[in-house]
Amino acid sequence: MGEGRRSKKVAVVTGANKGLGYGICKKLAARGVTVVLTARDEKRGLGAVEKLKQFGVSSDSLVFHQLDVTDPSSIASLTHFITTTFGKLDILVNNAGVSPGTVNGEALFKKVSGENIDWDEIVKCNVEMSKQCVETNYFGAVGVTEALLPLLQLSNCPTILNVTSLAGLIKLIRNERARKVLSDLESLTREKLDGVVSEFIKDYEEGTWNEKGWPTMTPANTVAKTALNVYTRLISKKYPSFRVNSVSPGFVKTDMTQNYGFSTVDEAAEHLLRLALLPSTGPTGVFFDRDRATPLE
């Protein structure tokens, strides 16, 4: 491996064939970072790479690799590719995510704008989609992170950025036992965190989630994003030399929201870019609402 290639920063962005993932790939590549754009669907991922090249992104700055964050063999394949091609990883952006149900973008826009609309009218949740949401938005992000940690440790400034949302606040978890586990960082372990999420899935499948105090607002996504925010804290504590943060990009116009929102992908990606390129002295273990540090509790 040439010294020039070794010295360039290397980033992996998950769920990057469209939307915010696509947007941050474009911005990172423009800043001279070598970007591995990943997507579950190979055809769509390759199409995204070709589209970015038409925008002037250099072939040397962008490469595609298939990744299904819920598939351990797919994660292993990506890890092997990064190891053999670059020998290290500098930036990981965990962006891949799915909705817990079918979203009514217009109703969501009205809700965020202040109208009194019930969440049941905004997102039509079902058990299968909710389980997939948790598997992707939390367990998937954790699986990718854990696999790539050894490569990140070889970086001069290892950075992990988890894309979450304002739904991921501990105070939204009504289950007292779960909230206590999530809030106690001193005794928190990955096993305890996974246990809270698995308990929610069990209660959701059994239909007892509401009476057991889980969130009433898109429960699967709220639990998944809260767990990911807490995992961010956990990893930042375990690896103090890393910059590990989570960010809510705001209400962004993407396919998931049927292109309703307050900001464009390009505008939202600027917040991610700043956090992805933090210096080694930058903040870590912080949840950001766009560019503002925000408490989880």
C-alpha atoms as a PDB file:
ATOM      1  CA  MET A   1       0.000   0.000   0.000  1.00  0.00           C
ATOM      2  CA  GLY A   2       1.391   3.403  -1.020  1.00  0.00           C
ATOM      3  CA  GLU A   3       2.200   5.903   1.699  1.00  0.00           C
ATOM      4  CA  GLY A   4      -0.052   8.521   0.079  1.00  0.00           C
ATOM      5  CA  ARG A   5      -3.034   6.211   0.191  1.00  0.00           C
ATOM      6  CA  ARG A   6      -2.196   5.189   3.746  1.00  0.00           C
ATOM      7  CA  SER A   7      -2.141   8.831   4.876  1.00  0.00           C
ATOM      8  CA  LYS A   8      -5.541   9.728   3.369  1.00  0.00           C
ATOM      9  CA  LYS A   9      -8.504   9.487   5.673  1.00  0.00           C
ATOM     10  CA  VAL A  10     -10.847   6.576   4.968  1.00  0.00           C
ATOM     11  CA  ALA A  11     -14.551   6.682   5.829  1.00  0.00           C
ATOM     12  CA  VAL A  12     -17.342   4.113   5.766  1.00  0.00           C
ATOM     13  CA  VAL A  13     -20.918   5.373   5.438  1.00  0.00           C
ATOM     14  CA  THR A  14     -23.769   2.901   5.867  1.00  0.00           C
ATOM     15  CA  GLY A  15     -27.115   3.195   4.100  1.00  0.00           C
ATOM     16  CA  ALA A  16     -25.613   5.607   1.599  1.00  0.00           C
ATOM     17  CA  ASN A  17     -27.276   4.980  -1.749  1.00  0.00           C
ATOM     18  CA  LYS A  18     -29.696   7.900  -1.158  1.00  0.00           C
ATOM     19  CA  GLY A  19     -30.766  10.549   1.314  1.00  0.00           C
ATOM     20  CA  LEU A  20     -28.525  11.706   4.118  1.00  0.00           C
ATOM     21  CA  GLY A  21     -25.998   8.891   3.648  1.00  0.00           C
ATOM     22  CA  TYR A  22     -25.552   9.889   0.019  1.00  0.00           C
ATOM     23  CA  GLY A  23     -25.237  13.529   1.049  1.00  0.00           C
ATOM     24  CA  ILE A  24     -22.466  12.946   3.587  1.00  0.00           C
ATOM     25  CA  CYS A  25     -20.553  10.740   1.126  1.00  0.00           C
ATOM     26  CA  LYS A  26     -20.546  13.611  -1.362  1.00  0.00           C
ATOM     27  CA  LYS A  27     -19.287  16.101   1.228  1.00  0.00           C
ATOM     28  CA  LEU A  28     -16.607  13.830   2.684  1.00  0.00           C
ATOM     29  CA  ALA A  29     -15.241  13.009  -0.767  1.00  0.00           C
ATOM     30  CA  ALA A  30     -15.135  16.715  -1.601  1.00  0.00           C
ATOM     31  CA  ARG A  31     -12.952  17.208   1.489  1.00  0.00           C
ATOM     32  CA  GLY A  32     -10.382  14.692   0.277  1.00  0.00           C
ATOM     33  CA  VAL A  33     -11.580  11.696   2.288  1.00  0.00           C
ATOM     34  CA  THR A  34     -11.646   8.275   0.617  1.00  0.00           C
ATOM     35  CA  VAL A  35     -15.254   7.153   1.076  1.00  0.00           C
ATOM     36  CA  VAL A  36     -16.596   3.610   1.067  1.00  0.00           C
ATOM     37  CA  LEU A  37     -20.240   4.058   0.146  1.00  0.00           C
ATOM     38  CA  THR A  38     -22.257   1.074   1.355  1.00  0.00           C
ATOM     39  CA  ALA A  39     -25.792  -0.042   0.657  1.00  0.00           C
ATOM     40  CA  ARG A  40     -27.808  -3.227   1.066  1.00  0.00           C
ATOM     41  CA  ASP A  41     -28.839  -3.212  -2.613  1.00  0.00           C
ATOM     42  CA  GLU A  42     -25.766  -3.523  -4.852  1.00  0.00           C
ATOM     43  CA  LYS A  43     -27.444  -2.074  -7.963  1.00  0.00           C
ATOM     44  CA  ARG A  44     -28.633   1.017  -6.101  1.00  0.00           C
ATOM     45  CA  GLY A  45     -25.277   1.445  -4.400  1.00  0.00           C
ATOM     46  CA  LEU A  46     -23.342   1.289  -7.658  1.00  0.00           C
ATOM     47  CA  GLY A  47     -25.853   3.700  -9.178  1.00  0.00           C
ATOM     48  CA  ALA A  48     -25.214   6.156  -6.337  1.00  0.00           C
ATOM     49  CA  VAL A  49     -21.459   5.957  -6.927  1.00  0.00           C
ATOM     50  CA  GLU A  50     -21.893   6.640 -10.654  1.00  0.00           C
ATOM     51  CA  LYS A  51     -24.197   9.564  -9.894  1.00  0.00           C
ATOM     52  CA  LEU A  52     -21.651  11.093  -7.524  1.00  0.00           C
ATOM     53  CA  LYS A  53     -18.925  10.713 -10.147  1.00  0.00           C
ATOM     54  CA  GLN A  54     -21.114  12.683 -12.551  1.00  0.00           C
ATOM     55  CA  PHE A  55     -21.090  15.457  -9.949  1.00  0.00           C
ATOM     56  CA  GLY A  56     -17.323  15.504 -10.199  1.00  0.00           C
ATOM     57  CA  VAL A  57     -16.374  13.194  -7.326  1.00  0.00           C
ATOM     58  CA  SER A  58     -13.068  11.522  -8.170  1.00  0.00           C
ATOM     59  CA  SER A  59     -12.892   7.751  -8.695  1.00  0.00           C
ATOM     60  CA  ASP A  60     -10.007   7.727  -6.222  1.00  0.00           C
ATOM     61  CA  SER A  61     -12.230   9.243  -3.531  1.00  0.00           C
ATOM     62  CA  LEU A  62     -15.196   6.892  -3.796  1.00  0.00           C
ATOM     63  CA  VAL A  63     -15.757   3.147  -3.835  1.00  0.00           C
ATOM     64  CA  PHE A  64     -18.819   0.959  -3.310  1.00  0.00           C
ATOM     65  CA  HIS A  65     -19.131  -2.111  -1.118  1.00  0.00           C
ATOM     66  CA  GLN A  66     -22.336  -4.021  -0.439  1.00  0.00           C
ATOM     67  CA  LEU A  67     -23.439  -4.054   3.200  1.00  0.00           C
ATOM     68  CA  ASP A  68     -26.509  -5.378   4.934  1.00  0.00           C
ATOM     69  CA  VAL A  69     -26.023  -4.213   8.530  1.00  0.00           C
ATOM     70  CA  THR A  70     -28.286  -7.012   9.817  1.00  0.00           C
ATOM     71  CA  ASP A  71     -26.186  -9.761   8.156  1.00  0.00           C
ATOM     72  CA  PRO A  72     -23.003 -10.824  10.018  1.00  0.00           C
ATOM     73  CA  SER A  73     -21.471 -12.338   6.860  1.00  0.00           C
ATOM     74  CA  SER A  74     -22.016  -9.073   4.984  1.00  0.00           C
ATOM     75  CA  ILE A  75     -20.365  -7.127   7.818  1.00  0.00           C
ATOM     76  CA  ALA A  76     -17.447  -9.573   7.776  1.00  0.00           C
ATOM     77  CA  SER A  77     -17.041  -9.095   4.024  1.00  0.00           C
ATOM     78  CA  LEU A  78     -16.857  -5.319   4.421  1.00  0.00           C
ATOM     79  CA  THR A  79     -14.359  -5.644   7.278  1.00  0.00           C
ATOM     80  CA  HIS A  80     -12.131  -7.878   5.143  1.00  0.00           C
ATOM     81  CA  PHE A  81     -12.337  -5.407   2.256  1.00  0.00           C
ATOM     82  CA  ILE A  82     -11.318  -2.439   4.436  1.00  0.00           C
ATOM     83  CA  THR A  83      -8.479  -4.459   5.971  1.00  0.00           C
ATOM     84  CA  THR A  84      -6.986  -5.618   2.690  1.00  0.00           C
ATOM     85  CA  THR A  85      -7.602  -2.421   0.721  1.00  0.00           C
ATOM     86  CA  PHE A  86      -6.794   0.329   3.213  1.00  0.00           C
ATOM     87  CA  GLY A  87      -5.376  -1.332   6.333  1.00  0.00           C
ATOM     88  CA  LYS A  88      -7.197   1.096   8.634  1.00  0.00           C
ATOM     89  CA  LEU A  89     -10.388   3.105   9.069  1.00  0.00           C
ATOM     90  CA  ASP A  90     -10.644   6.714  10.227  1.00  0.00           C
ATOM     91  CA  ILE A  91     -14.360   7.536  10.130  1.00  0.00           C
ATOM     92  CA  LEU A  92     -17.475   5.407  10.543  1.00  0.00           C
ATOM     93  CA  VAL A  93     -20.868   7.002   9.908  1.00  0.00           C
ATOM     94  CA  ASN A  94     -23.686   4.701  11.031  1.00  0.00           C
ATOM     95  CA  ASN A  95     -26.540   6.081   8.952  1.00  0.00           C
ATOM     96  CA  ALA A  96     -28.456   2.979   7.799  1.00  0.00           C
ATOM     97  CA  GLY A  97     -31.975   2.967   9.155  1.00  0.00           C
ATOM     98  CA  VAL A  98     -35.523   1.888   8.411  1.00  0.00           C
ATOM     99  CA  SER A  99     -38.912   3.075   9.577  1.00  0.00           C
ATOM    100  CA  PRO A 100     -41.020   1.010  12.027  1.00  0.00           C
ATOM    101  CA  GLY A 101     -43.990   1.421   9.712  1.00  0.00           C
ATOM    102  CA  THR A 102     -45.486   3.296   6.789  1.00  0.00           C
ATOM    103  CA  VAL A 103     -44.916   7.041   7.136  1.00  0.00           C
ATOM    104  CA  ASN A 104     -47.416   9.725   6.141  1.00  0.00           C
ATOM    105  CA  GLY A 105     -45.007  12.536   5.332  1.00  0.00           C
ATOM    106  CA  GLU A 106     -47.662  15.233   5.091  1.00  0.00           C
ATOM    107  CA  ALA A 107     -49.098  14.343   8.513  1.00  0.00           C
ATOM    108  CA  LEU A 108     -45.584  14.272   9.995  1.00  0.00           C
ATOM    109  CA  PHE A 109     -44.883  17.726   8.588  1.00  0.00           C
ATOM    110  CA  LYS A 110     -48.093  19.066  10.123  1.00  0.00           C
ATOM    111  CA  LYS A 111     -47.251  17.449  13.488  1.00  0.00           C
ATOM    112  CA  VAL A 112     -43.753  18.935  13.580  1.00  0.00           C
ATOM    113  CA  SER A 113     -45.232  22.273  12.539  1.00  0.00           C
ATOM    114  CA  GLY A 114     -47.412  22.262  15.648  1.00  0.00           C
ATOM    115  CA  GLU A 115     -50.706  20.704  14.596  1.00  0.00           C
ATOM    116  CA  ASN A 116     -52.362  18.276  17.014  1.00  0.00           C
ATOM    117  CA  ILE A 117     -52.134  15.027  15.064  1.00  0.00           C
ATOM    118  CA  ASP A 118     -51.972  11.584  16.688  1.00  0.00           C
ATOM    119  CA  TRP A 119     -48.826   9.573  15.968  1.00  0.00           C
ATOM    120  CA  ASP A 120     -50.973   6.648  14.852  1.00  0.00           C
ATOM    121  CA  GLU A 121     -52.006   8.772  11.882  1.00  0.00           C
ATOM    122  CA  ILE A 122     -48.386   9.575  11.056  1.00  0.00           C
ATOM    123  CA  VAL A 123     -46.725   6.145  11.222  1.00  0.00           C
ATOM    124  CA  LYS A 124     -48.698   2.935  10.721  1.00  0.00           C
ATOM    125  CA  CYS A 125     -46.540   0.483  12.685  1.00  0.00           C
ATOM    126  CA  ASN A 126     -46.672  -3.306  12.581  1.00  0.00           C
ATOM    127  CA  VAL A 127     -44.739  -6.021  14.389  1.00  0.00           C
ATOM    128  CA  GLU A 128     -42.528  -7.139  11.510  1.00  0.00           C
ATOM    129  CA  MET A 129     -41.509  -3.633  10.457  1.00  0.00           C
ATOM    130  CA  SER A 130     -40.918  -2.662  14.092  1.00  0.00           C
ATOM    131  CA  LYS A 131     -38.638  -5.660  14.666  1.00  0.00           C
ATOM    132  CA  GLN A 132     -36.739  -4.829  11.483  1.00  0.00           C
ATOM    133  CA  CYS A 133     -36.403  -1.242  12.685  1.00  0.00           C
ATOM    134  CA  VAL A 134     -34.752  -2.348  15.938  1.00  0.00           C
ATOM    135  CA  GLU A 135     -32.548  -4.905  14.181  1.00  0.00           C
ATOM    136  CA  THR A 136     -31.317  -2.285  11.700  1.00  0.00           C
ATOM    137  CA  ASN A 137     -31.287   0.961  13.651  1.00  0.00           C
ATOM    138  CA  TYR A 138     -29.700  -0.419  16.819  1.00  0.00           C
ATOM    139  CA  PHE A 139     -28.321  -3.947  16.511  1.00  0.00           C
ATOM    140  CA  GLY A 140     -27.129  -3.317  12.943  1.00  0.00           C
ATOM    141  CA  ALA A 141     -25.218  -0.182  13.875  1.00  0.00           C
ATOM    142  CA  VAL A 142     -23.673  -1.941  16.875  1.00  0.00           C
ATOM    143  CA  GLY A 143     -22.670  -4.966  14.781  1.00  0.00           C
ATOM    144  CA  VAL A 144     -20.903  -2.815  12.206  1.00  0.00           C
ATOM    145  CA  THR A 145     -19.181  -0.739  14.884  1.00  0.00           C
ATOM    146  CA  GLU A 146     -17.910  -3.721  16.862  1.00  0.00           C
ATOM    147  CA  ALA A 147     -16.511  -5.358  13.701  1.00  0.00           C
ATOM    148  CA  LEU A 148     -14.684  -2.198  12.604  1.00  0.00           C
ATOM    149  CA  LEU A 149     -13.300  -1.129  15.995  1.00  0.00           C
ATOM    150  CA  PRO A 150      -9.910  -2.839  15.451  1.00  0.00           C
ATOM    151  CA  LEU A 151      -9.464  -0.947  12.162  1.00  0.00           C
ATOM    152  CA  LEU A 152     -10.507   2.336  13.777  1.00  0.00           C
ATOM    153  CA  GLN A 153      -7.883   1.812  16.466  1.00  0.00           C
ATOM    154  CA  LEU A 154      -5.231   2.050  13.730  1.00  0.00           C
ATOM    155  CA  SER A 155      -6.279   5.621  12.906  1.00  0.00           C
ATOM    156  CA  ASN A 156      -4.615   8.755  14.226  1.00  0.00           C
ATOM    157  CA  CYS A 157      -8.053  10.238  14.913  1.00  0.00           C
ATOM    158  CA  PRO A 158     -10.716   7.495  15.004  1.00  0.00           C
ATOM    159  CA  THR A 159     -14.217   8.887  14.692  1.00  0.00           C
ATOM    160  CA  ILE A 160     -17.649   7.269  14.973  1.00  0.00           C
ATOM    161  CA  LEU A 161     -20.804   9.207  14.190  1.00  0.00           C
ATOM    162  CA  ASN A 162     -24.189   7.606  14.849  1.00  0.00           C
ATOM    163  CA  VAL A 163     -27.169   9.170  13.090  1.00  0.00           C
ATOM    164  CA  THR A 164     -30.120   9.103  15.474  1.00  0.00           C
ATOM    165  CA  SER A 165     -33.047  11.404  16.247  1.00  0.00           C
ATOM    166  CA  LEU A 166     -34.700  13.513  18.926  1.00  0.00           C
ATOM    167  CA  ALA A 167     -36.937  10.513  19.544  1.00  0.00           C
ATOM    168  CA  GLY A 168     -33.905   8.866  21.157  1.00  0.00           C
ATOM    169  CA  LEU A 169     -34.108  10.530  24.553  1.00  0.00           C
ATOM    170  CA  ILE A 170     -33.986   8.479  27.750  1.00  0.00           C
ATOM    171  CA  LYS A 171     -36.785  10.553  29.265  1.00  0.00           C
ATOM    172  CA  LEU A 172     -39.162   9.164  26.614  1.00  0.00           C
ATOM    173  CA  ILE A 173     -38.710   5.630  28.014  1.00  0.00           C
ATOM    174  CA  ARG A 174     -41.569   5.242  30.515  1.00  0.00           C
ATOM    175  CA  ASN A 175     -40.430   1.794  31.716  1.00  0.00           C
ATOM    176  CA  GLU A 176     -38.703   2.698  34.998  1.00  0.00           C
ATOM    177  CA  ARG A 177     -36.378  -0.309  35.145  1.00  0.00           C
ATOM    178  CA  ALA A 178     -35.215   0.235  31.570  1.00  0.00           C
ATOM    179  CA  ARG A 179     -34.751   3.958  32.121  1.00  0.00           C
ATOM    180  CA  LYS A 180     -32.628   3.284  35.198  1.00  0.00           C
ATOM    181  CA  VAL A 181     -30.358   0.890  33.287  1.00  0.00           C
ATOM    182  CA  LEU A 182     -29.946   3.324  30.398  1.00  0.00           C
ATOM    183  CA  SER A 183     -29.146   6.259  32.704  1.00  0.00           C
ATOM    184  CA  ASP A 184     -26.506   4.515  34.838  1.00  0.00           C
ATOM    185  CA  LEU A 185     -23.417   4.847  32.646  1.00  0.00           C
ATOM    186  CA  GLU A 186     -21.064   3.788  35.436  1.00  0.00           C
ATOM    187  CA  SER A 187     -22.490   0.264  35.641  1.00  0.00           C
ATOM    188  CA  LEU A 188     -23.814   0.006  32.088  1.00  0.00           C
ATOM    189  CA  THR A 189     -22.519  -2.806  29.891  1.00  0.00           C
ATOM    190  CA  ARG A 190     -23.233  -3.805  26.320  1.00  0.00           C
ATOM    191  CA  GLU A 191     -25.026  -6.893  27.662  1.00  0.00           C
ATOM    192  CA  LYS A 192     -27.334  -4.787  29.842  1.00  0.00           C
ATOM    193  CA  LEU A 193     -28.072  -2.421  26.960  1.00  0.00           C
ATOM    194  CA  ASP A 194     -28.844  -5.271  24.558  1.00  0.00           C
ATOM    195  CA  GLY A 195     -31.008  -6.811  27.267  1.00  0.00           C
ATOM    196  CA  VAL A 196     -33.187  -3.707  27.504  1.00  0.00           C
ATOM    197  CA  VAL A 197     -33.723  -3.685  23.742  1.00  0.00           C
ATOM    198  CA  SER A 198     -34.458  -7.418  23.609  1.00  0.00           C
ATOM    199  CA  GLU A 199     -36.972  -7.037  26.448  1.00  0.00           C
ATOM    200  CA  PHE A 200     -38.777  -4.363  24.443  1.00  0.00           C
ATOM    201  CA  ILE A 201     -38.948  -6.611  21.365  1.00  0.00           C
ATOM    202  CA  LYS A 202     -40.410  -9.425  23.473  1.00  0.00           C
ATOM    203  CA  ASP A 203     -43.041  -7.126  25.000  1.00  0.00           C
ATOM    204  CA  TYR A 204     -43.869  -5.645  21.605  1.00  0.00           C
ATOM    205  CA  GLU A 205     -44.388  -9.074  20.059  1.00  0.00           C
ATOM    206  CA  GLU A 206     -46.614 -10.049  22.982  1.00  0.00           C
ATOM    207  CA  GLY A 207     -48.606  -6.818  22.713  1.00  0.00           C
ATOM    208  CA  THR A 208     -47.780  -5.776  26.284  1.00  0.00           C
ATOM    209  CA  TRP A 209     -45.396  -2.930  25.408  1.00  0.00           C
ATOM    210  CA  ASN A 210     -47.821  -0.124  26.284  1.00  0.00           C
ATOM    211  CA  GLU A 211     -48.804  -1.404  29.730  1.00  0.00           C
ATOM    212  CA  LYS A 212     -45.139  -2.120  30.544  1.00  0.00           C
ATOM    213  CA  GLY A 213     -44.181   1.504  30.026  1.00  0.00           C
ATOM    214  CA  TRP A 214     -42.445   1.540  26.661  1.00  0.00           C
ATOM    215  CA  PRO A 215     -42.718   4.698  24.513  1.00  0.00           C
ATOM    216  CA  THR A 216     -46.063   5.448  22.907  1.00  0.00           C
ATOM    217  CA  MET A 217     -44.565   7.488  20.048  1.00  0.00           C
ATOM    218  CA  THR A 218     -43.233   5.113  17.333  1.00  0.00           C
ATOM    219  CA  PRO A 219     -42.040   2.764  20.098  1.00  0.00           C
ATOM    220  CA  ALA A 220     -39.591   0.642  18.078  1.00  0.00           C
ATOM    221  CA  ASN A 221     -37.772   3.616  16.584  1.00  0.00           C
ATOM    222  CA  THR A 222     -37.704   5.454  19.923  1.00  0.00           C
ATOM    223  CA  VAL A 223     -36.200   2.460  21.738  1.00  0.00           C
ATOM    224  CA  ALA A 224     -33.692   1.792  18.929  1.00  0.00           C
ATOM    225  CA  LYS A 225     -32.511   5.386  18.692  1.00  0.00           C
ATOM    226  CA  THR A 226     -32.327   5.791  22.477  1.00  0.00           C
ATOM    227  CA  ALA A 227     -30.268   2.612  22.739  1.00  0.00           C
ATOM    228  CA  LEU A 228     -27.946   3.851  19.980  1.00  0.00           C
ATOM    229  CA  ASN A 229     -27.475   7.174  21.779  1.00  0.00           C
ATOM    230  CA  VAL A 230     -26.635   5.332  24.989  1.00  0.00           C
ATOM    231  CA  TYR A 231     -24.293   2.972  23.094  1.00  0.00           C
ATOM    232  CA  THR A 232     -22.524   6.097  21.815  1.00  0.00           C
ATOM    233  CA  ARG A 233     -21.804   7.076  25.414  1.00  0.00           C
ATOM    234  CA  LEU A 234     -20.678   3.564  26.263  1.00  0.00           C
ATOM    235  CA  ILE A 235     -18.166   3.360  23.397  1.00  0.00           C
ATOM    236  CA  SER A 236     -16.834   6.863  24.047  1.00  0.00           C
ATOM    237  CA  LYS A 237     -16.095   5.848  27.626  1.00  0.00           C
ATOM    238  CA  LYS A 238     -14.437   2.579  26.589  1.00  0.00           C
ATOM    239  CA  TYR A 239     -12.297   4.248  23.903  1.00  0.00           C
ATOM    240  CA  PRO A 240     -11.358   7.714  25.202  1.00  0.00           C
ATOM    241  CA  SER A 241      -8.998   8.380  22.270  1.00  0.00           C
ATOM    242  CA  PHE A 242     -11.949   8.081  19.849  1.00  0.00           C
ATOM    243  CA  ARG A 243     -14.368  10.855  18.910  1.00  0.00           C
ATOM    244  CA  VAL A 244     -17.738   9.076  19.288  1.00  0.00           C
ATOM    245  CA  ASN A 245     -20.916  11.132  19.000  1.00  0.00           C
ATOM    246  CA  SER A 246     -24.508  10.823  17.875  1.00  0.00           C
ATOM    247  CA  VAL A 247     -26.531  13.378  15.964  1.00  0.00           C
ATOM    248  CA  SER A 248     -30.127  14.152  15.104  1.00  0.00           C
ATOM    249  CA  PRO A 249     -29.993  15.799  11.669  1.00  0.00           C
ATOM    250  CA  GLY A 250     -33.433  17.357  12.135  1.00  0.00           C
ATOM    251  CA  PHE A 251     -36.518  16.969   9.968  1.00  0.00           C
ATOM    252  CA  VAL A 252     -34.947  16.349   6.556  1.00  0.00           C
ATOM    253  CA  LYS A 253     -36.587  16.046   3.145  1.00  0.00           C
ATOM    254  CA  THR A 254     -35.879  12.429   2.170  1.00  0.00           C
ATOM    255  CA  ASP A 255     -37.720   9.478   0.656  1.00  0.00           C
ATOM    256  CA  MET A 256     -38.491   8.238   4.180  1.00  0.00           C
ATOM    257  CA  THR A 257     -40.486  11.409   4.891  1.00  0.00           C
ATOM    258  CA  GLN A 258     -41.949  11.549   1.362  1.00  0.00           C
ATOM    259  CA  ASN A 259     -39.766  14.645   0.862  1.00  0.00           C
ATOM    260  CA  TYR A 260     -41.467  16.652   3.578  1.00  0.00           C
ATOM    261  CA  GLY A 261     -39.139  18.432   5.990  1.00  0.00           C
ATOM    262  CA  PHE A 262     -37.539  21.677   7.129  1.00  0.00           C
ATOM    263  CA  SER A 263     -34.083  21.145   5.636  1.00  0.00           C
ATOM    264  CA  THR A 264     -32.573  19.654   2.518  1.00  0.00           C
ATOM    265  CA  VAL A 265     -30.206  16.696   2.502  1.00  0.00           C
ATOM    266  CA  ASP A 266     -27.360  19.053   1.623  1.00  0.00           C
ATOM    267  CA  GLU A 267     -28.099  21.329   4.583  1.00  0.00           C
ATOM    268  CA  ALA A 268     -28.444  18.432   7.039  1.00  0.00           C
ATOM    269  CA  ALA A 269     -25.278  16.759   5.773  1.00  0.00           C
ATOM    270  CA  GLU A 270     -23.282  19.832   6.829  1.00  0.00           C
ATOM    271  CA  HIS A 271     -23.977  18.993  10.484  1.00  0.00           C
ATOM    272  CA  LEU A 272     -22.747  15.441   9.930  1.00  0.00           C
ATOM    273  CA  LEU A 273     -19.660  16.646   8.091  1.00  0.00           C
ATOM    274  CA  ARG A 274     -18.563  18.851  10.974  1.00  0.00           C
ATOM    275  CA  LEU A 275     -18.873  16.002  13.474  1.00  0.00           C
ATOM    276  CA  ALA A 276     -17.259  13.449  11.148  1.00  0.00           C
ATOM    277  CA  LEU A 277     -14.173  15.683  10.773  1.00  0.00           C
ATOM    278  CA  LEU A 278     -13.709  16.620  14.424  1.00  0.00           C
ATOM    279  CA  PRO A 279     -10.106  17.046  15.590  1.00  0.00           C
ATOM    280  CA  SER A 280      -8.701  14.653  18.191  1.00  0.00           C
ATOM    281  CA  THR A 281      -9.420  17.315  20.837  1.00  0.00           C
ATOM    282  CA  GLY A 282     -13.096  17.561  19.856  1.00  0.00           C
ATOM    283  CA  PRO A 283     -16.066  16.516  21.993  1.00  0.00           C
ATOM    284  CA  THR A 284     -16.938  12.862  22.491  1.00  0.00           C
ATOM    285  CA  GLY A 285     -19.843  10.957  24.034  1.00  0.00           C
ATOM    286  CA  VAL A 286     -22.228  13.781  23.125  1.00  0.00           C
ATOM    287  CA  PHE A 287     -25.687  13.770  21.539  1.00  0.00           C
ATOM    288  CA  PHE A 288     -26.147  16.645  19.104  1.00  0.00           C
ATOM    289  CA  ASP A 289     -29.421  18.093  17.874  1.00  0.00           C
ATOM    290  CA  ARG A 290     -27.943  19.246  14.568  1.00  0.00           C
ATOM    291  CA  ASP A 291     -25.058  21.398  15.883  1.00  0.00           C
ATOM    292  CA  ARG A 292     -26.226  21.809  19.482  1.00  0.00           C
ATOM    293  CA  ALA A 293     -25.159  19.487  22.318  1.00  0.00           C
ATOM    294  CA  THR A 294     -28.343  18.147  23.933  1.00  0.00           C
ATOM    295  CA  PRO A 295     -28.893  16.101  27.140  1.00  0.00           C
ATOM    296  CA  LEU A 296     -30.426  12.643  26.735  1.00  0.00           C
ATOM    297  CA  GLU A 297     -32.172  12.671  30.119  1.00  0.00           C
END
